[in-house]
N, C-alpha and C. Protein backbone atom coordinates (compact mmCIF):
# COMPACT_ATOMS: atom_id res chain seq x y z
N MET A 1 1.03 -0.97 0.02
CA MET A 1 -0.15 0.06 0.13
C MET A 1 0.76 1.21 -0.17
N ASP A 2 0.90 1.99 -0.43
CA ASP A 2 1.32 3.55 -0.99
C ASP A 2 0.65 4.42 -0.08
N MET A 3 1.15 4.60 1.05
CA MET A 3 0.46 5.38 2.16
C MET A 3 0.95 6.94 1.58
N ALA A 4 1.95 7.39 0.41
CA ALA A 4 1.99 8.71 0.35
C ALA A 4 0.58 9.59 0.22
N ASP A 5 -0.30 9.05 -0.40
CA ASP A 5 -1.33 9.44 -1.08
C ASP A 5 -2.30 9.58 -0.38
N VAL A 6 -2.43 9.12 0.72
CA VAL A 6 -3.82 9.12 1.93
C VAL A 6 -3.50 10.09 2.75
N GLY A 7 -4.88 10.86 3.04
CA GLY A 7 -5.15 11.82 3.38
C GLY A 7 -5.26 11.71 5.11
N ARG A 8 -5.06 12.60 5.96
CA ARG A 8 -5.04 12.18 7.42
C ARG A 8 -6.44 12.53 7.94
N SER A 9 -6.91 12.05 9.06
CA SER A 9 -8.14 12.48 9.35
C SER A 9 -8.02 13.52 10.50
N THR A 10 -9.06 14.10 10.83
CA THR A 10 -8.92 15.26 11.93
C THR A 10 -9.20 14.50 13.10
N ALA A 11 -10.25 13.34 13.01
CA ALA A 11 -10.21 12.00 14.33
C ALA A 11 -9.35 11.82 14.78
N THR A 12 -8.81 11.07 15.80
CA THR A 12 -8.22 10.34 16.07
C THR A 12 -8.74 9.26 16.50
N ALA A 13 -8.18 7.83 16.10
CA ALA A 13 -8.84 6.61 16.12
C ALA A 13 -8.70 5.91 17.55
N PRO A 14 -10.06 5.36 18.12
CA PRO A 14 -9.58 5.12 19.19
C PRO A 14 -8.72 3.97 19.96
N GLU A 15 -7.98 3.93 20.96
CA GLU A 15 -7.37 3.22 21.25
C GLU A 15 -7.80 1.52 21.63
N VAL A 16 -8.78 1.92 22.21
CA VAL A 16 -9.95 0.60 22.50
C VAL A 16 -11.14 0.42 21.91
N ILE A 17 -11.44 -0.48 21.24
CA ILE A 17 -12.82 -0.61 21.28
C ILE A 17 -13.78 -2.15 21.79
N PRO A 18 -14.44 -1.65 22.70
CA PRO A 18 -14.94 -2.84 23.45
C PRO A 18 -16.03 -3.45 22.80
N THR A 19 -16.30 -4.68 23.24
CA THR A 19 -17.29 -5.47 22.59
C THR A 19 -17.90 -6.24 23.92
N ASP A 20 -18.95 -7.10 23.74
CA ASP A 20 -19.60 -7.77 25.07
C ASP A 20 -18.56 -8.42 25.95
N ARG A 21 -17.69 -9.36 24.95
CA ARG A 21 -16.86 -9.89 25.79
C ARG A 21 -15.37 -9.28 25.66
N LEU A 22 -14.77 -9.01 24.70
CA LEU A 22 -13.97 -8.77 24.01
C LEU A 22 -13.25 -7.19 24.16
N VAL A 23 -11.55 -6.98 24.07
CA VAL A 23 -11.39 -5.62 24.06
C VAL A 23 -10.38 -5.66 22.54
N LEU A 24 -10.72 -4.69 21.67
CA LEU A 24 -10.12 -4.66 20.80
C LEU A 24 -9.21 -3.29 20.72
N ARG A 25 -8.31 -3.51 21.05
CA ARG A 25 -6.86 -2.24 21.45
C ARG A 25 -5.86 -2.24 20.26
N THR A 26 -5.15 -0.79 20.18
CA THR A 26 -3.96 -0.79 19.48
C THR A 26 -2.85 -1.49 19.96
N TYR A 27 -2.04 -1.89 19.19
CA TYR A 27 -0.59 -2.55 19.62
C TYR A 27 0.35 -1.64 20.36
N ARG A 28 0.89 -2.21 21.63
CA ARG A 28 1.60 -1.70 22.33
C ARG A 28 3.14 -2.64 22.61
N PRO A 29 4.21 -1.81 23.18
CA PRO A 29 5.41 -2.82 22.92
C PRO A 29 4.99 -4.10 24.20
N GLY A 30 5.85 -5.24 23.86
CA GLY A 30 5.40 -6.43 24.48
C GLY A 30 4.32 -7.47 24.00
N ASP A 31 3.58 -6.86 22.83
CA ASP A 31 2.27 -7.68 22.50
C ASP A 31 3.07 -8.97 21.76
N HIS A 32 4.20 -8.97 21.67
CA HIS A 32 4.87 -10.18 20.42
C HIS A 32 4.79 -11.15 21.72
N ARG A 33 4.79 -11.31 22.90
CA ARG A 33 4.60 -12.48 23.42
C ARG A 33 3.42 -13.13 23.52
N GLY A 34 2.18 -12.52 23.42
CA GLY A 34 0.69 -12.70 23.37
C GLY A 34 0.69 -13.25 22.05
N LEU A 35 1.43 -12.68 21.09
CA LEU A 35 0.83 -12.80 19.67
C LEU A 35 1.69 -14.39 19.10
N LEU A 36 2.88 -14.13 19.61
CA LEU A 36 3.82 -15.11 18.99
C LEU A 36 3.31 -17.12 19.52
N VAL A 37 2.23 -16.81 20.50
CA VAL A 37 1.74 -18.20 20.87
C VAL A 37 1.02 -18.55 19.65
N PHE A 38 0.01 -17.99 19.08
CA PHE A 38 -0.68 -18.52 17.55
C PHE A 38 0.19 -18.38 16.34
N HIS A 39 0.50 -17.17 16.19
CA HIS A 39 1.18 -16.99 15.40
C HIS A 39 2.60 -17.20 14.93
N GLY A 40 3.07 -18.08 15.87
CA GLY A 40 4.41 -19.02 15.51
C GLY A 40 3.98 -20.85 15.55
N ARG A 41 2.33 -20.64 15.11
CA ARG A 41 2.09 -22.03 14.86
C ARG A 41 1.83 -22.43 13.30
N SER A 42 2.28 -23.27 13.11
CA SER A 42 2.24 -23.65 11.43
C SER A 42 0.67 -23.67 10.81
N ASP A 43 -0.02 -24.28 11.71
CA ASP A 43 -1.43 -24.42 11.41
C ASP A 43 -2.11 -22.95 11.26
N VAL A 44 -1.71 -22.04 11.94
CA VAL A 44 -2.54 -20.83 11.89
C VAL A 44 -1.90 -20.16 10.98
N CYS A 45 -0.40 -20.15 10.43
CA CYS A 45 0.34 -19.80 9.39
C CYS A 45 0.13 -20.23 8.03
N ARG A 46 -0.75 -21.31 7.93
CA ARG A 46 -0.65 -22.23 6.77
C ARG A 46 -1.06 -21.65 5.75
N TYR A 47 -2.37 -20.98 5.52
CA TYR A 47 -2.59 -20.30 4.56
C TYR A 47 -2.31 -18.46 4.50
N LEU A 48 -1.56 -18.03 5.21
CA LEU A 48 -0.89 -16.82 5.26
C LEU A 48 0.06 -16.46 4.45
N PHE A 49 0.53 -15.20 3.99
CA PHE A 49 1.67 -15.01 3.52
C PHE A 49 2.92 -15.37 4.12
N ASN A 50 2.78 -15.25 5.41
CA ASN A 50 4.20 -15.21 6.52
C ASN A 50 4.02 -17.03 7.01
N GLU A 51 5.54 -17.12 6.97
CA GLU A 51 5.68 -18.33 7.76
C GLU A 51 5.11 -18.36 9.37
N PRO A 52 5.70 -19.09 9.98
CA PRO A 52 5.01 -19.20 11.46
C PRO A 52 6.51 -18.00 11.89
N TRP A 53 5.94 -17.20 12.92
CA TRP A 53 7.11 -16.36 13.75
C TRP A 53 7.72 -17.02 14.63
N ASP A 54 9.36 -16.33 14.51
CA ASP A 54 9.87 -16.54 15.66
C ASP A 54 9.99 -15.60 16.68
N LEU A 55 10.71 -15.32 17.46
CA LEU A 55 10.84 -14.41 18.40
C LEU A 55 11.11 -12.82 17.97
N ALA A 56 12.33 -12.94 16.83
CA ALA A 56 12.35 -11.92 16.01
C ALA A 56 11.25 -11.49 15.14
N ALA A 57 11.14 -12.13 14.61
CA ALA A 57 9.59 -11.87 13.81
C ALA A 57 8.64 -11.20 14.23
N ALA A 58 8.21 -12.10 15.72
CA ALA A 58 7.24 -11.32 16.42
C ALA A 58 7.37 -9.96 17.01
N ARG A 59 8.77 -9.63 17.14
CA ARG A 59 8.72 -8.24 17.70
C ARG A 59 8.82 -7.16 16.42
N GLU A 60 9.54 -7.49 15.17
CA GLU A 60 9.21 -7.04 14.25
C GLU A 60 8.14 -6.37 13.81
N ALA A 61 7.20 -7.39 14.04
CA ALA A 61 5.82 -7.37 13.37
C ALA A 61 4.99 -6.20 14.26
N VAL A 62 5.29 -6.37 15.69
CA VAL A 62 4.70 -5.69 16.56
C VAL A 62 4.79 -4.22 16.39
N GLN A 63 6.62 -4.04 16.12
CA GLN A 63 6.91 -2.62 16.10
C GLN A 63 6.34 -1.86 14.65
N THR A 64 5.96 -2.58 13.96
CA THR A 64 5.42 -2.13 12.58
C THR A 64 3.91 -1.87 12.88
N ARG A 65 3.12 -2.56 13.43
CA ARG A 65 1.81 -2.30 13.82
C ARG A 65 1.66 -1.64 14.91
N ILE A 66 2.55 -0.96 15.56
CA ILE A 66 2.26 -0.19 16.29
C ILE A 66 1.70 1.16 15.79
N SER A 67 2.23 1.37 14.68
CA SER A 67 2.14 2.61 14.12
C SER A 67 0.76 2.88 13.06
N ARG A 68 0.07 1.55 13.04
CA ARG A 68 -1.03 1.22 12.25
C ARG A 68 -2.04 1.76 13.42
N ARG A 69 -2.62 2.90 13.32
CA ARG A 69 -3.38 3.52 14.29
C ARG A 69 -4.85 4.20 13.79
N ASP A 70 -4.78 4.25 12.68
CA ASP A 70 -6.08 5.16 12.09
C ASP A 70 -6.08 4.94 10.57
N LEU A 71 -7.51 4.27 10.61
CA LEU A 71 -7.72 4.01 9.31
C LEU A 71 -7.90 5.10 8.32
N ALA A 72 -8.30 5.89 9.05
CA ALA A 72 -8.41 7.46 7.83
C ALA A 72 -7.14 7.59 7.28
N ALA A 73 -5.87 7.12 8.15
CA ALA A 73 -4.65 7.50 7.47
C ALA A 73 -3.77 6.72 6.80
N GLY A 74 -4.66 5.50 6.60
CA GLY A 74 -3.86 4.13 5.81
C GLY A 74 -4.33 3.01 6.42
N ALA A 75 -4.25 2.89 7.62
CA ALA A 75 -4.25 1.64 8.13
C ALA A 75 -4.16 1.59 10.01
N LEU A 76 -5.20 0.38 10.26
CA LEU A 76 -5.53 0.39 11.57
C LEU A 76 -5.28 -1.28 12.05
N ALA A 77 -4.41 -1.43 12.91
CA ALA A 77 -4.32 -2.83 13.57
C ALA A 77 -4.40 -3.16 14.93
N LEU A 78 -5.18 -3.98 15.39
CA LEU A 78 -5.61 -4.29 16.64
C LEU A 78 -5.56 -5.70 17.34
N VAL A 79 -5.11 -5.67 18.61
CA VAL A 79 -4.82 -6.71 18.97
C VAL A 79 -6.16 -7.22 19.73
N VAL A 80 -6.77 -8.42 19.65
CA VAL A 80 -7.93 -8.88 20.49
C VAL A 80 -8.04 -9.55 21.59
N GLU A 81 -8.38 -9.13 22.82
CA GLU A 81 -8.16 -9.31 24.07
C GLU A 81 -9.21 -10.09 24.60
N TYR A 82 -9.22 -11.38 25.29
CA TYR A 82 -10.79 -12.00 26.24
C TYR A 82 -9.73 -12.05 27.47
N ASP A 83 -10.46 -11.18 28.40
CA ASP A 83 -10.07 -11.37 29.89
C ASP A 83 -8.79 -11.15 30.13
N GLY A 84 -8.11 -10.39 29.54
CA GLY A 84 -6.49 -10.01 29.56
C GLY A 84 -5.69 -10.92 28.64
N GLN A 85 -6.14 -12.09 27.98
CA GLN A 85 -5.37 -12.61 27.16
C GLN A 85 -5.52 -12.45 25.67
N VAL A 86 -4.64 -12.25 24.97
CA VAL A 86 -4.64 -12.06 23.38
C VAL A 86 -5.12 -13.32 22.63
N VAL A 87 -6.03 -13.32 22.25
CA VAL A 87 -6.68 -14.18 21.58
C VAL A 87 -6.73 -14.12 19.89
N GLY A 88 -6.30 -12.89 19.56
CA GLY A 88 -6.29 -12.64 18.34
C GLY A 88 -5.73 -11.62 17.62
N SER A 89 -5.94 -11.03 16.12
CA SER A 89 -5.51 -9.80 15.78
C SER A 89 -6.08 -9.75 14.60
N VAL A 90 -6.79 -8.40 14.32
CA VAL A 90 -7.47 -8.09 13.22
C VAL A 90 -6.70 -6.59 12.78
N SER A 91 -7.41 -6.07 11.19
CA SER A 91 -6.49 -5.32 10.83
C SER A 91 -7.29 -4.95 9.76
N ALA A 92 -7.08 -3.13 9.55
CA ALA A 92 -8.04 -2.91 8.14
C ALA A 92 -6.99 -1.94 7.92
N TRP A 93 -7.00 -1.99 6.16
CA TRP A 93 -6.19 -0.93 5.50
C TRP A 93 -7.00 -0.57 4.22
N LEU A 94 -6.56 0.67 3.83
CA LEU A 94 -7.32 1.23 2.87
C LEU A 94 -6.60 0.60 1.42
N VAL A 95 -7.40 -0.01 0.49
CA VAL A 95 -6.56 -0.25 -0.94
C VAL A 95 -6.35 1.02 -1.75
N ASP A 96 -5.30 1.15 -2.32
CA ASP A 96 -5.09 1.81 -3.58
C ASP A 96 -5.92 1.67 -4.87
N GLU A 97 -6.54 2.56 -5.15
CA GLU A 97 -7.42 3.01 -6.41
C GLU A 97 -6.60 3.88 -7.49
N PRO A 98 -6.26 3.59 -8.79
CA PRO A 98 -5.81 4.26 -9.43
C PRO A 98 -6.37 5.61 -10.02
N GLU A 99 -7.90 5.13 -9.81
CA GLU A 99 -8.62 6.23 -10.43
C GLU A 99 -8.94 7.37 -9.29
N ARG A 100 -8.77 7.04 -8.28
CA ARG A 100 -9.32 7.91 -6.86
C ARG A 100 -8.76 9.29 -6.73
N THR A 101 -10.13 10.09 -6.23
CA THR A 101 -9.51 11.70 -6.12
C THR A 101 -9.78 11.74 -4.68
N ALA A 102 -9.54 12.99 -4.23
CA ALA A 102 -9.74 13.56 -2.79
C ALA A 102 -11.26 12.99 -2.30
N GLU A 103 -12.12 13.45 -3.35
CA GLU A 103 -13.55 13.09 -2.94
C GLU A 103 -14.07 11.63 -2.99
N THR A 104 -13.28 10.95 -3.86
CA THR A 104 -13.91 9.37 -4.17
C THR A 104 -13.81 8.74 -2.85
N GLU A 105 -15.07 8.12 -2.69
CA GLU A 105 -15.26 7.09 -1.47
C GLU A 105 -14.10 5.97 -2.24
N ARG A 106 -13.64 5.61 -0.75
CA ARG A 106 -12.89 4.40 -0.46
C ARG A 106 -13.15 2.85 -0.22
N THR A 107 -12.31 2.05 -0.59
CA THR A 107 -12.49 0.47 -0.05
C THR A 107 -11.29 0.39 0.98
N ALA A 108 -11.78 -0.47 1.51
CA ALA A 108 -10.73 -0.86 2.54
C ALA A 108 -10.97 -2.56 2.80
N GLU A 109 -9.70 -3.35 3.09
CA GLU A 109 -9.22 -4.75 3.08
C GLU A 109 -9.35 -4.93 4.58
N LEU A 110 -9.87 -6.19 4.93
CA LEU A 110 -9.62 -6.43 6.29
C LEU A 110 -8.55 -7.79 6.25
N GLY A 111 -8.11 -8.07 7.46
CA GLY A 111 -7.39 -9.19 7.55
C GLY A 111 -7.70 -9.54 9.20
N TRP A 112 -7.34 -11.06 9.59
CA TRP A 112 -7.75 -11.66 10.72
C TRP A 112 -7.02 -12.70 10.79
N ALA A 113 -6.75 -13.05 12.36
CA ALA A 113 -5.86 -14.32 12.92
C ALA A 113 -6.47 -14.39 14.00
N PHE A 114 -6.88 -15.91 14.53
CA PHE A 114 -6.94 -16.11 15.70
C PHE A 114 -6.67 -17.56 16.61
N SER A 115 -6.25 -17.33 17.64
CA SER A 115 -5.82 -18.44 18.68
C SER A 115 -6.78 -19.43 18.22
N PRO A 116 -6.20 -20.58 17.75
CA PRO A 116 -7.13 -22.03 17.79
C PRO A 116 -7.71 -22.50 19.11
N GLU A 117 -6.92 -21.95 20.29
CA GLU A 117 -6.85 -22.45 21.55
C GLU A 117 -8.45 -22.09 22.05
N PHE A 118 -8.74 -20.70 21.66
CA PHE A 118 -10.06 -19.99 21.49
C PHE A 118 -11.15 -20.30 20.68
N GLY A 119 -10.85 -21.47 19.87
CA GLY A 119 -12.13 -21.24 19.00
C GLY A 119 -12.92 -21.68 19.27
N GLY A 120 -14.22 -21.76 18.63
CA GLY A 120 -15.80 -22.45 18.79
C GLY A 120 -16.18 -21.39 20.04
N ARG A 121 -16.01 -20.10 20.35
CA ARG A 121 -16.59 -19.68 21.13
C ARG A 121 -17.13 -18.06 20.39
N GLY A 122 -16.96 -18.00 19.51
CA GLY A 122 -17.88 -16.47 18.52
C GLY A 122 -16.80 -15.55 18.69
N PHE A 123 -15.64 -15.46 19.12
CA PHE A 123 -14.78 -14.39 19.33
C PHE A 123 -14.67 -13.63 18.17
N ALA A 124 -13.88 -14.40 17.15
CA ALA A 124 -13.80 -14.11 15.84
C ALA A 124 -15.01 -13.50 15.15
N THR A 125 -16.16 -14.00 15.37
CA THR A 125 -17.25 -13.40 14.74
C THR A 125 -17.45 -12.26 15.60
N GLU A 126 -17.21 -11.94 16.80
CA GLU A 126 -17.90 -10.76 17.63
C GLU A 126 -16.47 -9.85 17.35
N ALA A 127 -15.40 -9.82 17.45
CA ALA A 127 -14.16 -9.13 16.93
C ALA A 127 -14.34 -8.32 15.40
N VAL A 128 -14.62 -9.42 14.37
CA VAL A 128 -14.57 -8.88 13.23
C VAL A 128 -15.92 -8.01 12.75
N THR A 129 -16.90 -8.27 13.57
CA THR A 129 -18.10 -7.65 13.46
C THR A 129 -17.72 -6.24 14.00
N ALA A 130 -17.18 -6.01 15.06
CA ALA A 130 -17.07 -4.87 15.60
C ALA A 130 -15.80 -3.85 14.78
N LEU A 131 -14.93 -4.80 14.33
CA LEU A 131 -13.93 -3.98 13.47
C LEU A 131 -14.80 -3.19 12.30
N LEU A 132 -15.62 -4.01 11.95
CA LEU A 132 -16.47 -3.67 10.76
C LEU A 132 -17.39 -2.61 10.97
N ASP A 133 -17.66 -2.75 12.10
CA ASP A 133 -18.85 -1.31 12.56
C ASP A 133 -17.73 -0.09 12.53
N TYR A 134 -16.60 -0.13 13.33
CA TYR A 134 -15.71 0.68 13.08
C TYR A 134 -15.15 1.30 11.69
N VAL A 135 -15.06 0.56 10.84
CA VAL A 135 -14.52 0.73 9.60
C VAL A 135 -15.34 1.35 8.99
N PHE A 136 -16.84 1.23 8.76
CA PHE A 136 -17.64 1.93 8.37
C PHE A 136 -18.36 3.18 8.92
N ALA A 137 -17.80 3.54 10.15
CA ALA A 137 -17.54 4.89 10.81
C ALA A 137 -16.73 5.76 10.05
N THR A 138 -15.70 5.19 9.76
CA THR A 138 -14.72 5.91 8.80
C THR A 138 -15.16 7.15 7.68
N PRO A 139 -14.87 8.11 7.58
CA PRO A 139 -15.62 9.12 6.34
C PRO A 139 -15.06 8.52 5.11
N ARG A 140 -15.96 8.51 4.18
CA ARG A 140 -15.83 8.27 2.58
C ARG A 140 -15.55 6.91 2.44
N LEU A 141 -15.93 6.02 3.38
CA LEU A 141 -15.83 4.90 3.03
C LEU A 141 -16.83 4.08 2.11
N HIS A 142 -16.72 3.29 1.38
CA HIS A 142 -18.00 3.15 0.44
C HIS A 142 -18.06 1.20 0.58
N ARG A 143 -16.87 0.88 0.63
CA ARG A 143 -17.10 -0.76 0.44
C ARG A 143 -15.53 -1.47 1.00
N VAL A 144 -15.80 -2.56 1.80
CA VAL A 144 -14.94 -3.62 2.84
C VAL A 144 -15.21 -5.23 1.84
N ILE A 145 -13.47 -5.29 1.74
CA ILE A 145 -13.55 -6.55 1.14
C ILE A 145 -12.38 -7.40 2.04
N ALA A 146 -12.47 -8.77 1.81
CA ALA A 146 -11.26 -9.62 2.75
C ALA A 146 -11.45 -10.49 1.61
N GLN A 147 -9.87 -11.17 1.54
CA GLN A 147 -9.36 -11.77 0.71
C GLN A 147 -8.73 -12.84 1.30
N MET A 148 -8.71 -14.23 0.89
CA MET A 148 -8.17 -15.47 1.49
C MET A 148 -7.90 -16.68 0.75
N ASP A 149 -6.96 -17.53 0.96
CA ASP A 149 -6.75 -18.34 0.44
C ASP A 149 -7.95 -19.30 0.27
N SER A 150 -8.34 -19.88 -0.59
CA SER A 150 -9.32 -20.59 -1.13
C SER A 150 -9.69 -21.72 0.14
N ARG A 151 -8.55 -22.36 0.37
CA ARG A 151 -8.30 -23.48 1.16
C ARG A 151 -8.83 -23.21 3.24
N ASN A 152 -8.61 -21.66 3.22
CA ASN A 152 -8.87 -21.37 4.56
C ASN A 152 -10.48 -21.15 4.66
N GLU A 153 -10.90 -22.53 4.88
CA GLU A 153 -12.70 -22.70 4.96
C GLU A 153 -12.77 -21.87 6.41
N SER A 154 -12.26 -22.01 7.35
CA SER A 154 -12.55 -21.28 8.50
C SER A 154 -12.93 -19.66 8.73
N SER A 155 -11.86 -18.75 7.52
CA SER A 155 -11.90 -17.90 7.16
C SER A 155 -13.05 -17.40 6.30
N ALA A 156 -13.45 -18.54 5.16
CA ALA A 156 -14.25 -17.92 4.53
C ALA A 156 -15.69 -18.36 5.45
N ARG A 157 -16.28 -19.09 6.07
CA ARG A 157 -17.09 -19.41 6.68
C ARG A 157 -17.19 -17.86 7.80
N LEU A 158 -16.45 -17.63 8.33
CA LEU A 158 -16.25 -16.19 9.25
C LEU A 158 -16.79 -15.06 8.37
N ALA A 159 -16.25 -14.84 7.16
CA ALA A 159 -16.61 -13.66 6.06
C ALA A 159 -18.34 -13.97 5.57
N GLN A 160 -18.40 -15.29 5.81
CA GLN A 160 -20.37 -15.52 5.23
C GLN A 160 -21.12 -15.20 6.85
N ARG A 161 -20.41 -15.56 7.94
CA ARG A 161 -21.11 -15.39 8.87
C ARG A 161 -21.26 -13.99 9.24
N ILE A 162 -20.53 -13.16 8.93
CA ILE A 162 -20.66 -11.81 9.49
C ILE A 162 -21.29 -10.94 8.49
N GLY A 163 -21.76 -11.92 7.37
CA GLY A 163 -22.62 -11.25 6.48
C GLY A 163 -21.97 -10.45 5.32
N MET A 164 -20.63 -10.97 5.13
CA MET A 164 -19.96 -10.32 3.75
C MET A 164 -20.34 -11.55 2.58
N ARG A 165 -20.38 -11.01 1.24
CA ARG A 165 -20.96 -11.57 0.20
C ARG A 165 -19.68 -12.67 -0.71
N ARG A 166 -19.62 -13.45 -0.90
CA ARG A 166 -18.90 -13.98 -1.76
C ARG A 166 -18.78 -13.68 -3.27
N GLU A 167 -17.78 -12.82 -3.84
CA GLU A 167 -17.82 -11.96 -5.02
C GLU A 167 -16.96 -12.52 -5.96
N GLY A 168 -16.09 -13.28 -5.48
CA GLY A 168 -15.00 -13.91 -6.63
C GLY A 168 -14.22 -15.10 -6.18
N HIS A 169 -13.66 -15.90 -6.91
CA HIS A 169 -12.85 -17.01 -6.84
C HIS A 169 -11.73 -16.84 -8.09
N PHE A 170 -10.48 -16.43 -7.73
CA PHE A 170 -9.56 -16.38 -8.73
C PHE A 170 -8.71 -17.62 -8.76
N ARG A 171 -8.69 -18.21 -9.64
CA ARG A 171 -8.06 -19.53 -9.78
C ARG A 171 -6.28 -19.32 -10.10
N GLN A 172 -5.59 -20.08 -9.29
CA GLN A 172 -4.11 -20.09 -9.28
C GLN A 172 -3.52 -18.36 -9.21
N ASN A 173 -3.88 -17.58 -8.64
CA ASN A 173 -3.69 -16.03 -9.32
C ASN A 173 -2.41 -15.41 -8.35
N ALA A 174 -2.32 -16.42 -6.98
CA ALA A 174 -1.08 -16.08 -6.03
C ALA A 174 -0.25 -17.30 -5.80
N TRP A 175 1.26 -16.88 -5.93
CA TRP A 175 2.27 -17.75 -5.69
C TRP A 175 2.96 -17.41 -4.06
N ILE A 176 2.18 -18.62 -3.39
CA ILE A 176 2.49 -18.43 -2.00
C ILE A 176 3.23 -19.41 -1.48
N LYS A 177 4.30 -19.55 -0.68
CA LYS A 177 4.90 -20.62 -0.39
C LYS A 177 5.49 -21.61 -1.09
N ASN A 178 5.87 -21.33 -2.37
CA ASN A 178 6.01 -22.20 -3.62
C ASN A 178 5.22 -23.04 -3.88
N GLU A 179 3.90 -22.05 -4.23
CA GLU A 179 2.87 -23.10 -4.98
C GLU A 179 2.07 -21.82 -5.57
N TRP A 180 1.32 -22.32 -6.53
CA TRP A 180 0.04 -21.59 -7.03
C TRP A 180 -1.16 -21.50 -6.02
N THR A 181 -1.98 -20.75 -5.58
CA THR A 181 -2.82 -20.72 -4.75
C THR A 181 -4.27 -19.83 -5.19
N ASP A 182 -5.25 -20.45 -4.97
CA ASP A 182 -6.55 -19.64 -5.57
C ASP A 182 -7.00 -18.65 -4.31
N THR A 183 -7.60 -17.71 -4.58
CA THR A 183 -8.09 -16.88 -4.01
C THR A 183 -9.77 -16.40 -3.98
N LEU A 184 -10.22 -16.06 -2.92
CA LEU A 184 -11.66 -16.08 -2.83
C LEU A 184 -11.82 -14.70 -2.29
N VAL A 185 -12.61 -13.94 -2.83
CA VAL A 185 -13.08 -12.74 -2.17
C VAL A 185 -14.18 -12.27 -1.76
N PHE A 186 -14.50 -11.94 -0.52
CA PHE A 186 -15.65 -11.06 0.05
C PHE A 186 -15.99 -10.08 0.07
N ALA A 187 -16.93 -9.31 0.18
CA ALA A 187 -17.23 -7.91 0.17
C ALA A 187 -18.72 -7.70 0.92
N THR A 188 -18.58 -6.37 1.36
CA THR A 188 -19.86 -5.82 1.56
C THR A 188 -19.90 -4.07 1.63
N LEU A 189 -21.08 -3.68 1.53
CA LEU A 189 -20.96 -2.28 1.10
C LEU A 189 -21.39 -1.59 2.32
N ARG A 190 -21.12 -0.11 2.57
CA ARG A 190 -21.57 0.63 3.55
C ARG A 190 -23.00 0.32 3.81
N SER A 191 -23.84 0.60 2.58
CA SER A 191 -25.31 0.80 2.68
C SER A 191 -25.95 -0.96 2.91
N GLU A 192 -25.36 -2.03 2.77
CA GLU A 192 -25.51 -3.43 3.31
C GLU A 192 -25.35 -3.38 4.89
N TRP A 193 -24.36 -2.47 5.30
CA TRP A 193 -23.86 -3.37 6.84
C TRP A 193 -24.86 -2.39 7.85
N PRO A 194 -25.52 -3.27 8.74
CA PRO A 194 -26.28 -2.44 9.55
C PRO A 194 -26.00 -1.25 10.33
N SER A 195 -24.66 -1.00 10.77
CA SER A 195 -24.21 0.11 11.28
C SER A 195 -23.64 1.61 10.34
N GLY A 196 -23.82 0.71 8.98
CA GLY A 196 -23.29 1.70 8.03
C GLY A 196 -23.96 2.81 7.11
N ALA A 197 -25.26 2.19 7.08
CA ALA A 197 -26.62 3.12 6.55
C ALA A 197 -26.55 4.28 6.90
């Protein structure tokens, strides 16, 4: 993402987004320990671009994500906590659009990863729904997408569960981890999202 042309917002993003059971918050030093527990697992990273993190990679990722604090400025990265424990991470970033002008409504893309240790409790659904609520509160945002490896059935089910529509299945369009992979694309519009209309 080319951040140079992204206009800054006058509003500051919140450091915490609470839900019924979770807290979504911006990154802070020391988060690498909680994130490494699941980002260091091969089953969690199987369908992601990156290999499982080691300690150095976890520290570097957290350092990068600390600055991603405002979607209107380009990107937002959040740690998901339940009862003080890190259970996942979610993010949103603005998509580059060649024909965009300053007045054009934008598209954002979402990403997420959750610890299998906390699976089956609805945490991913709750966290990503809260992220979408927040994303659609961003001025001039028209559309949100999520892209994933087509073999990542749990992510595809999550996208459908929260109300995103499957819009595409691209065959062998990405070379990831030494193999061609298919990509699924899900999307929703502000006018379709309950809190966005």
